[in-house]
Amino acid sequence: MFCDAFGLDVSEGVLMNIFLRSHARFGNEASKARAILRCARVVASNETGVRIEGTNAYHWVFHCADGVVHQPDPSRAARVVNDMMGSHVPAVWISDRYAAQQKHGERHQTCLAHLARDTAFAHEHGSDALPFRFRLWLGRAFDLARGITNRKRERLPTLA
């Protein structure tokens, strides 16, 4: 990016020094983001596989209305969620259907984007009519959500 955006050739050593010098400030902001997450009523999470220093690991992302926390970890286990959330149990937890991401909130909402992706795959590769019908139903759900969001924006008072 430094080369493409600014025409600068930056060595790995320079990058490492930048990371080491900025580590404390990033740590402070990460602590603030974790504190926000541990107070949120609604939290969403997901994880994806990554390679860290030549080893398989996971990049976890935790999101709420006011913050996002990225957490690398060698594990995909529920322990990562428990460590991140401490004793806080949000009212709603949103995630895919992976077992490690279940039962962390008072209620659970399956991520509709994951359902839509899985439904599209089933529709494209199967011969059953159910995925097609489910896709239509999901489309209506997304349309309803967009409508609710737009109505909320329309009702917001304008600043004069």
C-alpha atoms as a PDB file:
ATOM      1  CA  MET A   1       0.000   0.000   0.000  1.00  0.00           C
ATOM      2  CA  PHE A   2       2.815   2.427   0.836  1.00  0.00           C
ATOM      3  CA  CYS A   3       4.325   1.827  -2.605  1.00  0.00           C
ATOM      4  CA  ASP A   4       1.044   2.002  -4.518  1.00  0.00           C
ATOM      5  CA  ALA A   5      -0.472   4.943  -2.667  1.00  0.00           C
ATOM      6  CA  PHE A   6       2.581   7.041  -1.799  1.00  0.00           C
ATOM      7  CA  GLY A   7       5.426   5.724  -3.971  1.00  0.00           C
ATOM      8  CA  LEU A   8       7.393   4.644  -0.874  1.00  0.00           C
ATOM      9  CA  ASP A   9       9.394   1.449  -0.608  1.00  0.00           C
ATOM     10  CA  VAL A  10       9.000   0.285   2.990  1.00  0.00           C
ATOM     11  CA  SER A  11      10.902  -2.702   4.354  1.00  0.00           C
ATOM     12  CA  GLU A  12       9.457  -5.294   6.729  1.00  0.00           C
ATOM     13  CA  GLY A  13      11.737  -3.908   9.445  1.00  0.00           C
ATOM     14  CA  VAL A  14      10.239  -0.433   9.092  1.00  0.00           C
ATOM     15  CA  LEU A  15       6.730  -1.893   9.249  1.00  0.00           C
ATOM     16  CA  MET A  16       7.624  -3.865  12.376  1.00  0.00           C
ATOM     17  CA  ASN A  17       8.999  -0.712  14.036  1.00  0.00           C
ATOM     18  CA  ILE A  18       5.785   1.152  13.173  1.00  0.00           C
ATOM     19  CA  PHE A  19       3.717  -1.658  14.710  1.00  0.00           C
ATOM     20  CA  LEU A  20       5.878  -1.780  17.848  1.00  0.00           C
ATOM     21  CA  ARG A  21       5.708   2.007  18.379  1.00  0.00           C
ATOM     22  CA  SER A  22       1.927   2.136  17.884  1.00  0.00           C
ATOM     23  CA  HIS A  23       1.153  -1.007  19.903  1.00  0.00           C
ATOM     24  CA  ALA A  24       0.336   0.797  23.180  1.00  0.00           C
ATOM     25  CA  ARG A  25      -2.124   3.199  21.541  1.00  0.00           C
ATOM     26  CA  PHE A  26      -3.850   0.379  19.689  1.00  0.00           C
ATOM     27  CA  GLY A  27      -3.991  -1.554  22.969  1.00  0.00           C
ATOM     28  CA  ASN A  28      -5.779   1.332  24.686  1.00  0.00           C
ATOM     29  CA  GLU A  29      -8.356   1.604  21.912  1.00  0.00           C
ATOM     30  CA  ALA A  30      -8.832  -2.181  21.831  1.00  0.00           C
ATOM     31  CA  SER A  31      -9.547  -2.123  25.587  1.00  0.00           C
ATOM     32  CA  LYS A  32     -12.154   0.609  25.052  1.00  0.00           C
ATOM     33  CA  ALA A  33     -13.790  -1.416  22.250  1.00  0.00           C
ATOM     34  CA  ARG A  34     -13.920  -4.541  24.454  1.00  0.00           C
ATOM     35  CA  ALA A  35     -15.534  -2.510  27.268  1.00  0.00           C
ATOM     36  CA  ILE A  36     -18.187  -1.211  24.841  1.00  0.00           C
ATOM     37  CA  LEU A  37     -18.825  -4.744  23.575  1.00  0.00           C
ATOM     38  CA  ARG A  38     -19.236  -6.042  27.139  1.00  0.00           C
ATOM     39  CA  CYS A  39     -22.101  -3.593  27.723  1.00  0.00           C
ATOM     40  CA  ALA A  40     -23.942  -4.068  24.423  1.00  0.00           C
ATOM     41  CA  ARG A  41     -27.499  -5.407  24.265  1.00  0.00           C
ATOM     42  CA  VAL A  42     -26.956  -6.936  20.811  1.00  0.00           C
ATOM     43  CA  VAL A  43     -23.688  -8.567  19.717  1.00  0.00           C
ATOM     44  CA  ALA A  44     -22.818 -10.275  16.444  1.00  0.00           C
ATOM     45  CA  SER A  45     -19.846 -12.594  15.954  1.00  0.00           C
ATOM     46  CA  ASN A  46     -18.124 -14.543  13.234  1.00  0.00           C
ATOM     47  CA  GLU A  47     -14.813 -16.273  12.688  1.00  0.00           C
ATOM     48  CA  THR A  48     -12.812 -17.278   9.678  1.00  0.00           C
ATOM     49  CA  GLY A  49      -9.650 -19.290   9.184  1.00  0.00           C
ATOM     50  CA  VAL A  50      -6.336 -17.470   8.726  1.00  0.00           C
ATOM     51  CA  ARG A  51      -2.654 -18.319   8.730  1.00  0.00           C
ATOM     52  CA  ILE A  52      -0.633 -16.596  11.447  1.00  0.00           C
ATOM     53  CA  GLU A  53       3.124 -17.038  11.197  1.00  0.00           C
ATOM     54  CA  GLY A  54       2.647 -20.235   9.193  1.00  0.00           C
ATOM     55  CA  THR A  55       0.102 -21.766  11.579  1.00  0.00           C
ATOM     56  CA  ASN A  56      -3.622 -22.257  11.071  1.00  0.00           C
ATOM     57  CA  ALA A  57      -5.633 -19.961  13.335  1.00  0.00           C
ATOM     58  CA  TYR A  58      -8.884 -17.979  13.380  1.00  0.00           C
ATOM     59  CA  HIS A  59      -9.765 -14.327  12.960  1.00  0.00           C
ATOM     60  CA  TRP A  60     -12.757 -13.619  15.185  1.00  0.00           C
ATOM     61  CA  VAL A  61     -14.853 -10.475  14.773  1.00  0.00           C
ATOM     62  CA  PHE A  62     -17.252  -9.240  17.445  1.00  0.00           C
ATOM     63  CA  HIS A  63     -19.569  -6.373  16.556  1.00  0.00           C
ATOM     64  CA  CYS A  64     -22.126  -4.215  18.319  1.00  0.00           C
ATOM     65  CA  ALA A  65     -23.748  -0.890  17.431  1.00  0.00           C
ATOM     66  CA  ASP A  66     -20.873   1.137  18.889  1.00  0.00           C
ATOM     67  CA  GLY A  67     -17.802  -1.032  18.455  1.00  0.00           C
ATOM     68  CA  VAL A  68     -15.941  -3.757  16.624  1.00  0.00           C
ATOM     69  CA  VAL A  69     -13.290  -6.041  18.084  1.00  0.00           C
ATOM     70  CA  HIS A  70     -10.980  -8.199  15.960  1.00  0.00           C
ATOM     71  CA  GLN A  71      -9.457 -11.093  17.874  1.00  0.00           C
ATOM     72  CA  PRO A  72      -6.937 -13.551  16.429  1.00  0.00           C
ATOM     73  CA  ASP A  73      -6.850 -16.881  18.229  1.00  0.00           C
ATOM     74  CA  PRO A  74      -5.520 -20.369  17.501  1.00  0.00           C
ATOM     75  CA  SER A  75      -8.892 -21.794  18.531  1.00  0.00           C
ATOM     76  CA  ARG A  76     -12.374 -21.848  17.039  1.00  0.00           C
ATOM     77  CA  ALA A  77     -13.859 -22.926  20.387  1.00  0.00           C
ATOM     78  CA  ALA A  78     -16.526 -21.192  22.480  1.00  0.00           C
ATOM     79  CA  ARG A  79     -13.742 -20.295  24.928  1.00  0.00           C
ATOM     80  CA  VAL A  80     -12.807 -17.394  22.634  1.00  0.00           C
ATOM     81  CA  VAL A  81     -16.307 -15.910  22.983  1.00  0.00           C
ATOM     82  CA  ASN A  82     -16.328 -16.490  26.743  1.00  0.00           C
ATOM     83  CA  ASP A  83     -12.922 -14.815  27.113  1.00  0.00           C
ATOM     84  CA  MET A  84     -14.054 -11.853  25.017  1.00  0.00           C
ATOM     85  CA  MET A  85     -17.386 -11.306  26.762  1.00  0.00           C
ATOM     86  CA  GLY A  86     -16.372 -12.005  30.353  1.00  0.00           C
ATOM     87  CA  SER A  87     -19.541 -12.368  32.418  1.00  0.00           C
ATOM     88  CA  HIS A  88     -21.667 -10.164  30.115  1.00  0.00           C
ATOM     89  CA  VAL A  89     -24.629 -11.866  28.437  1.00  0.00           C
ATOM     90  CA  PRO A  90     -26.242  -9.659  25.780  1.00  0.00           C
ATOM     91  CA  ALA A  91     -29.981  -9.735  25.169  1.00  0.00           C
ATOM     92  CA  VAL A  92     -29.400 -10.954  21.581  1.00  0.00           C
ATOM     93  CA  TRP A  93     -26.474 -12.826  20.063  1.00  0.00           C
ATOM     94  CA  ILE A  94     -26.246 -12.940  16.251  1.00  0.00           C
ATOM     95  CA  SER A  95     -24.060 -15.555  14.566  1.00  0.00           C
ATOM     96  CA  ASP A  96     -23.968 -18.375  12.084  1.00  0.00           C
ATOM     97  CA  ARG A  97     -25.086 -21.827  13.168  1.00  0.00           C
ATOM     98  CA  TYR A  98     -21.657 -22.999  14.329  1.00  0.00           C
ATOM     99  CA  ALA A  99     -22.062 -24.530  17.810  1.00  0.00           C
ATOM    100  CA  ALA A 100     -19.246 -22.494  19.422  1.00  0.00           C
ATOM    101  CA  GLN A 101     -21.178 -19.311  18.646  1.00  0.00           C
ATOM    102  CA  GLN A 102     -24.490 -20.466  20.103  1.00  0.00           C
ATOM    103  CA  LYS A 103     -26.009 -19.765  23.522  1.00  0.00           C
ATOM    104  CA  HIS A 104     -23.994 -16.657  24.406  1.00  0.00           C
ATOM    105  CA  GLY A 105     -26.998 -14.327  24.604  1.00  0.00           C
ATOM    106  CA  GLU A 106     -30.377 -14.493  26.271  1.00  0.00           C
ATOM    107  CA  ARG A 107     -31.709 -15.066  22.739  1.00  0.00           C
ATOM    108  CA  HIS A 108     -30.035 -16.076  19.497  1.00  0.00           C
ATOM    109  CA  GLN A 109     -30.585 -14.750  15.983  1.00  0.00           C
ATOM    110  CA  THR A 110     -29.091 -16.760  13.148  1.00  0.00           C
ATOM    111  CA  CYS A 111     -27.262 -14.455  10.756  1.00  0.00           C
ATOM    112  CA  LEU A 112     -29.574 -13.960   7.782  1.00  0.00           C
ATOM    113  CA  ALA A 113     -26.647 -13.329   5.430  1.00  0.00           C
ATOM    114  CA  HIS A 114     -25.293 -16.797   6.254  1.00  0.00           C
ATOM    115  CA  LEU A 115     -28.743 -18.322   5.724  1.00  0.00           C
ATOM    116  CA  ALA A 116     -29.130 -16.523   2.397  1.00  0.00           C
ATOM    117  CA  ARG A 117     -25.711 -17.757   1.237  1.00  0.00           C
ATOM    118  CA  ASP A 118     -26.430 -21.350   2.240  1.00  0.00           C
ATOM    119  CA  THR A 119     -29.877 -21.176   0.643  1.00  0.00           C
ATOM    120  CA  ALA A 120     -28.439 -19.838  -2.623  1.00  0.00           C
ATOM    121  CA  PHE A 121     -25.931 -22.716  -2.650  1.00  0.00           C
ATOM    122  CA  ALA A 122     -28.693 -25.292  -2.033  1.00  0.00           C
ATOM    123  CA  HIS A 123     -30.830 -23.724  -4.760  1.00  0.00           C
ATOM    124  CA  GLU A 124     -27.975 -23.720  -7.294  1.00  0.00           C
ATOM    125  CA  HIS A 125     -26.807 -27.275  -6.572  1.00  0.00           C
ATOM    126  CA  GLY A 126     -30.007 -29.085  -5.674  1.00  0.00           C
ATOM    127  CA  SER A 127     -33.229 -30.078  -7.315  1.00  0.00           C
ATOM    128  CA  ASP A 128     -35.582 -29.582  -4.372  1.00  0.00           C
ATOM    129  CA  ALA A 129     -38.105 -26.690  -4.440  1.00  0.00           C
ATOM    130  CA  LEU A 130     -37.598 -25.828  -0.757  1.00  0.00           C
ATOM    131  CA  PRO A 131     -34.443 -23.680  -1.229  1.00  0.00           C
ATOM    132  CA  PHE A 132     -36.240 -21.640  -3.911  1.00  0.00           C
ATOM    133  CA  ARG A 133     -39.206 -21.026  -1.600  1.00  0.00           C
ATOM    134  CA  PHE A 134     -36.912 -20.207   1.292  1.00  0.00           C
ATOM    135  CA  ARG A 135     -35.034 -17.737  -0.945  1.00  0.00           C
ATOM    136  CA  LEU A 136     -38.309 -15.982  -1.734  1.00  0.00           C
ATOM    137  CA  TRP A 137     -39.150 -15.825   1.981  1.00  0.00           C
ATOM    138  CA  LEU A 138     -35.696 -14.438   2.835  1.00  0.00           C
ATOM    139  CA  GLY A 139     -36.115 -11.825   0.101  1.00  0.00           C
ATOM    140  CA  ARG A 140     -39.349 -10.673   1.721  1.00  0.00           C
ATOM    141  CA  ALA A 141     -37.631 -10.551   5.131  1.00  0.00           C
ATOM    142  CA  PHE A 142     -34.811  -8.387   3.720  1.00  0.00           C
ATOM    143  CA  ASP A 143     -37.344  -6.113   1.988  1.00  0.00           C
ATOM    144  CA  LEU A 144     -39.236  -5.723   5.264  1.00  0.00           C
ATOM    145  CA  ALA A 145     -36.010  -4.874   7.114  1.00  0.00           C
ATOM    146  CA  ARG A 146     -35.113  -2.244   4.510  1.00  0.00           C
ATOM    147  CA  GLY A 147     -38.607  -0.787   4.773  1.00  0.00           C
ATOM    148  CA  ILE A 148     -38.394  -0.536   8.557  1.00  0.00           C
ATOM    149  CA  THR A 149     -34.976   1.124   8.339  1.00  0.00           C
ATOM    150  CA  ASN A 150     -36.208   3.627   5.742  1.00  0.00           C
ATOM    151  CA  ARG A 151     -39.318   4.466   7.797  1.00  0.00           C
ATOM    152  CA  LYS A 152     -37.148   5.073  10.852  1.00  0.00           C
ATOM    153  CA  ARG A 153     -34.987   7.510   8.874  1.00  0.00           C
ATOM    154  CA  GLU A 154     -38.067   9.326   7.561  1.00  0.00           C
ATOM    155  CA  ARG A 155     -39.370   9.878  11.098  1.00  0.00           C
ATOM    156  CA  LEU A 156     -36.115  11.285  12.502  1.00  0.00           C
ATOM    157  CA  PRO A 157     -36.415  14.985  13.355  1.00  0.00           C
ATOM    158  CA  THR A 158     -34.421  17.329  11.169  1.00  0.00           C
ATOM    159  CA  LEU A 159     -32.003  19.803  12.690  1.00  0.00           C
ATOM    160  CA  ALA A 160     -32.705  23.404  11.754  1.00  0.00           C
END
